Protein backbone atom coordinates (compact mmCIF):
# COMPACT_ATOMS: atom_id res chain seq x y z
CA MET A 1 2.33 -10.81 49.36
CA SER A 2 3.57 -14.41 49.45
CA ARG A 3 1.96 -17.31 51.25
CA ILE A 4 4.55 -17.05 54.00
CA GLY A 5 3.70 -13.37 54.37
CA PHE A 6 -0.01 -14.09 54.81
CA TRP A 7 0.70 -16.82 57.37
CA LEU A 8 2.98 -14.47 59.30
CA VAL A 9 0.23 -11.82 59.30
CA TRP A 10 -2.31 -14.37 60.52
CA ILE A 11 -0.06 -15.76 63.25
CA GLY A 12 0.84 -12.26 64.37
CA PHE A 13 -2.82 -11.19 64.47
CA VAL A 14 -3.92 -14.27 66.40
CA THR A 15 -1.05 -13.92 68.86
CA TYR A 16 -1.75 -10.25 69.45
CA ALA A 17 -5.53 -10.69 69.74
CA PHE A 18 -5.35 -13.45 72.33
CA PHE A 19 -2.23 -12.61 74.30
CA LEU A 20 -1.35 -8.92 73.91
CA ALA A 21 -4.63 -7.06 73.37
CA PRO A 22 -6.38 -5.44 76.37
CA PRO A 23 -8.43 -7.80 78.55
CA ASP A 24 -12.13 -8.40 78.09
CA ARG A 25 -14.51 -6.14 79.96
CA PRO A 26 -17.33 -7.59 82.07
CA ASP A 27 -19.95 -5.86 79.92
CA THR A 28 -18.65 -7.21 76.59
CA PHE A 29 -21.31 -9.92 76.22
CA ASP A 30 -24.12 -7.44 76.90
CA LEU A 31 -22.63 -4.98 74.42
CA ILE A 32 -22.48 -7.63 71.69
CA LYS A 33 -26.05 -8.74 72.45
CA HIS A 34 -27.34 -5.18 72.16
CA LEU A 35 -25.45 -4.59 68.91
CA VAL A 36 -26.77 -7.80 67.36
CA THR A 37 -30.36 -7.11 68.38
CA GLY A 38 -30.26 -3.43 67.38
CA GLN A 39 -30.65 -2.09 70.92
CA ILE A 40 -28.13 0.68 70.32
CA ALA A 41 -29.49 3.42 72.57
CA GLY A 42 -26.61 4.74 74.65
CA ILE A 43 -23.93 2.99 72.58
CA ASN A 44 -21.28 5.15 70.93
CA PRO A 45 -22.24 5.50 67.22
CA LEU A 46 -18.61 4.81 66.29
CA ILE A 47 -18.90 1.36 67.83
CA VAL A 48 -22.29 0.78 66.19
CA ALA A 49 -20.88 1.76 62.78
CA LEU A 50 -17.73 -0.33 63.23
CA PHE A 51 -19.70 -3.41 64.28
CA ASN A 52 -21.98 -3.14 61.26
CA LEU A 53 -19.07 -2.50 58.89
CA MET A 54 -17.61 -5.78 60.11
CA GLY A 55 -20.68 -7.36 58.55
CA VAL A 56 -20.30 -5.40 55.32
CA LEU A 57 -16.61 -6.21 54.79
CA PRO A 58 -17.09 -9.99 54.56
CA MET A 59 -19.78 -9.32 51.96
CA LEU A 60 -17.35 -7.14 49.98
CA TYR A 61 -14.82 -9.96 50.09
CA SER A 62 -17.43 -12.54 49.12
CA CYS A 63 -18.08 -10.64 45.87
CA LEU A 64 -14.54 -11.59 44.82
CA LEU A 65 -13.71 -14.58 46.99
CA LEU A 66 -16.55 -16.89 45.94
CA ILE A 67 -15.93 -16.18 42.26
CA ASP A 68 -12.23 -16.79 42.83
CA GLY A 69 -13.11 -20.00 44.66
CA ARG A 70 -14.58 -21.52 41.48
CA MET A 71 -11.00 -22.04 40.28
CA GLN A 72 -9.51 -23.11 43.61
CA LYS A 73 -9.10 -26.53 45.23
CA ILE A 74 -10.04 -25.23 48.68
CA PRO A 75 -13.71 -24.57 49.63
CA ALA A 76 -13.93 -20.79 49.42
CA TRP A 77 -17.50 -20.75 50.77
CA LEU A 78 -16.26 -22.13 54.10
CA PHE A 79 -13.85 -19.25 54.63
CA ALA A 80 -16.36 -16.68 53.37
CA THR A 81 -19.05 -17.95 55.76
CA ALA A 82 -16.67 -18.02 58.72
CA SER A 83 -15.55 -14.46 57.99
CA PHE A 84 -18.97 -13.11 58.99
CA ALA A 85 -18.22 -14.34 62.51
CA VAL A 86 -14.45 -13.95 62.80
CA GLY A 87 -13.42 -11.55 60.01
CA ALA A 88 -9.75 -11.61 59.09
CA PHE A 89 -9.17 -14.73 61.19
CA ALA A 90 -10.92 -16.61 58.34
CA ILE A 91 -10.03 -14.44 55.32
CA VAL A 92 -6.24 -14.40 55.79
CA PRO A 93 -5.87 -18.23 55.78
CA TYR A 94 -7.79 -18.33 52.49
CA LEU A 95 -5.41 -15.78 51.00
CA ALA A 96 -2.50 -17.91 52.17
CA LEU A 97 -3.92 -21.17 50.79
CA ARG A 98 -5.29 -20.04 47.42
CA GLU A 99 -3.40 -20.26 44.16
CA PRO A 100 -3.11 -17.17 41.94
CA ASN A 101 -5.63 -17.68 39.15
CA GLY A 102 -7.16 -15.07 36.87
CA THR A 103 -9.44 -17.45 34.99
CA PHE A 104 -13.10 -18.44 35.24
CA SER A 105 -14.85 -21.31 33.51
CA GLY A 106 -18.39 -22.62 33.46
CA LYS A 107 -21.66 -20.81 34.05
CA LYS A 108 -22.40 -18.52 36.93
CA THR A 109 -24.78 -19.94 39.51
CA TRP A 110 -27.63 -17.72 40.68
CA TRP A 111 -25.58 -16.89 43.76
CA LEU A 112 -22.52 -15.89 41.73
CA LYS A 113 -24.78 -13.74 39.54
CA VAL A 114 -25.95 -11.93 42.68
CA LEU A 115 -22.37 -11.43 43.89
CA ASP A 116 -21.37 -10.21 40.42
CA SER A 117 -24.23 -7.73 40.22
CA ARG A 118 -23.57 -4.01 40.17
CA TRP A 119 -26.80 -3.56 42.12
CA LEU A 120 -25.29 -5.48 45.04
CA GLY A 121 -22.12 -3.40 44.71
CA LEU A 122 -24.22 -0.22 44.79
CA ALA A 123 -26.15 -1.41 47.86
CA LEU A 124 -22.89 -2.22 49.67
CA ALA A 125 -21.45 1.16 48.68
CA ILE A 126 -24.47 3.07 50.00
CA THR A 127 -24.45 1.04 53.22
CA THR A 128 -20.73 1.56 53.74
CA LEU A 129 -20.86 5.31 53.12
CA GLY A 130 -23.91 5.65 55.35
CA LEU A 131 -22.24 3.82 58.23
CA LEU A 132 -19.02 5.81 57.83
CA PHE A 133 -20.93 9.09 57.85
CA TYR A 134 -23.00 8.03 60.86
CA GLY A 135 -20.03 6.87 62.89
CA ILE A 136 -17.69 9.73 62.05
CA SER A 137 -20.26 12.53 62.39
CA GLN A 138 -22.14 11.25 65.43
CA GLY A 139 -19.49 9.28 67.29
CA ASP A 140 -17.65 10.19 70.47
CA TRP A 141 -13.96 9.82 69.64
CA THR A 142 -12.77 10.30 73.21
CA ASP A 143 -15.01 7.51 74.45
CA PHE A 144 -13.96 5.29 71.55
CA GLY A 145 -10.29 5.84 72.38
CA GLU A 146 -10.90 4.87 76.00
CA GLN A 147 -12.76 1.72 74.98
CA TRP A 148 -10.08 0.88 72.41
CA ARG A 149 -7.50 0.93 75.20
CA SER A 150 -9.57 -1.03 77.71
CA SER A 151 -11.75 -3.50 75.76
CA ARG A 152 -10.38 -6.47 73.85
CA PHE A 153 -13.59 -6.68 71.80
CA ILE A 154 -13.34 -3.07 70.56
CA HIS A 155 -9.56 -3.23 70.19
CA VAL A 156 -9.45 -6.44 68.13
CA MET A 157 -12.53 -5.50 66.08
CA SER A 158 -10.83 -2.23 65.13
CA LEU A 159 -7.64 -4.02 64.04
CA ASP A 160 -9.74 -6.59 62.17
CA PHE A 161 -11.46 -3.77 60.29
CA CYS A 162 -8.13 -2.18 59.34
CA LEU A 163 -6.62 -5.50 58.25
CA LEU A 164 -9.56 -6.41 56.02
CA SER A 165 -9.60 -2.92 54.54
CA VAL A 166 -5.97 -3.10 53.40
CA LEU A 167 -5.88 -6.76 52.26
CA PHE A 168 -8.66 -6.45 49.67
CA PRO A 169 -6.13 -5.96 46.80
CA ALA A 170 -4.86 -9.51 47.41
CA LEU A 171 -7.89 -10.73 45.43
CA LEU A 172 -8.21 -7.72 43.16
CA ARG A 173 -5.58 -8.46 40.52
CA ASP A 174 -7.06 -11.84 39.56
CA ASP A 175 -10.61 -10.46 39.56
CA MET A 176 -9.51 -7.72 37.17
CA THR A 177 -7.86 -10.28 34.89
CA ARG A 178 -11.08 -12.32 34.69
CA ARG A 179 -12.87 -9.21 33.46
CA GLY A 180 -10.25 -8.14 30.95
CA LEU A 181 -9.13 -5.12 32.98
CA THR A 182 -5.44 -4.68 32.25
CA ASP A 183 -4.67 -1.09 33.27
CA ASP A 184 -2.36 -1.16 36.26
CA ARG A 185 -3.50 2.34 37.23
CA LEU A 186 -6.94 0.93 38.10
CA PHE A 187 -5.38 -1.62 40.43
CA TRP A 188 -3.41 1.02 42.30
CA ALA A 189 -6.33 3.43 42.43
CA VAL A 190 -8.35 0.78 44.27
CA ALA A 191 -5.44 -0.55 46.34
CA LEU A 192 -4.40 2.87 47.64
CA LEU A 193 -7.91 3.76 48.82
CA PRO A 194 -8.70 1.15 51.51
CA LEU A 195 -12.41 0.28 51.68
CA LEU A 196 -13.52 3.22 49.52
CA GLY A 197 -11.60 1.89 46.54
CA ALA A 198 -13.19 -1.52 47.04
CA ILE A 199 -16.77 -0.22 46.97
CA VAL A 200 -16.10 1.92 43.90
CA TYR A 201 -14.60 -1.10 42.13
CA LEU A 202 -17.62 -3.30 42.91
CA VAL A 203 -19.97 -0.66 41.49
CA LEU A 204 -18.00 0.01 38.30
CA ARG A 205 -16.42 -3.35 37.37
CA PRO A 206 -17.79 -4.95 34.18
CA PRO A 207 -19.78 -8.21 34.53
CA LEU A 208 -17.88 -11.47 34.58
CA GLN A 209 -18.29 -13.31 31.28
CA GLU A 210 -19.21 -16.99 31.41
CA GLN A 211 -16.66 -19.27 29.76
CA PRO A 212 -16.76 -22.89 28.52
CA GLU A 213 -15.60 -25.43 31.08
CA ASN A 214 -11.80 -25.54 31.42
CA ALA A 215 -11.41 -22.41 29.29
CA VAL A 216 -8.31 -20.43 30.12
CA LEU A 217 -8.32 -16.68 29.71
CA PRO A 218 -5.14 -15.03 28.47
CA GLN A 219 -3.06 -13.61 31.29
CA PRO A 220 -2.31 -9.97 30.43
CA ASN A 221 0.96 -8.23 31.14
CA TYR A 222 0.19 -5.31 33.42
CA ARG A 223 1.73 -2.02 32.48
CA THR A 224 3.92 -0.43 35.09
CA LEU A 225 3.43 3.23 35.71
CA PRO A 226 6.50 5.40 35.11
């Protein structure tokens, strides 16, 4: 997707969220307070799972975004931090502003080593699968549908979740290149499985190799599937 495409997605999402989505409900602030503090008794498990997944998704993105940001002129950490509060409202502008770059130079900081760790990927995978199972198996879909139609918070959060789930491949190609992964089938396997493909990739991807400053990795030609 081009820069113009990302900006159009962002403008469309902002416009819809603030002007076309259902109105706020009077109990929205109390609902958010209870979700943040863990007072979830009586709250639909689907909403509990969705709210917590909106904390997991920015972490999934950070595992790629902050490594990608090493080679960018814009401060990736600012967008990554903001995404924990506003989700795609912060991630999409980063995708629009960044330059395609499949290289990495210098040493990994302790924080980048954490984000590059398979153990973190495994923890995020277990958390994601646990939340999905909890929400899907225990949730009340009828109640969720009613709240989706009547609550701006639930409505926009749901769309935010879907948008972040499908945009992950925008950072995937360059991350694969940095790790010497050149098989186009891997890219499409991850891209065509929103969210689930992302957690599998974070668990299985090889570690990022440190490079001398200003080193440039060869840019592979991806094979196209017949």
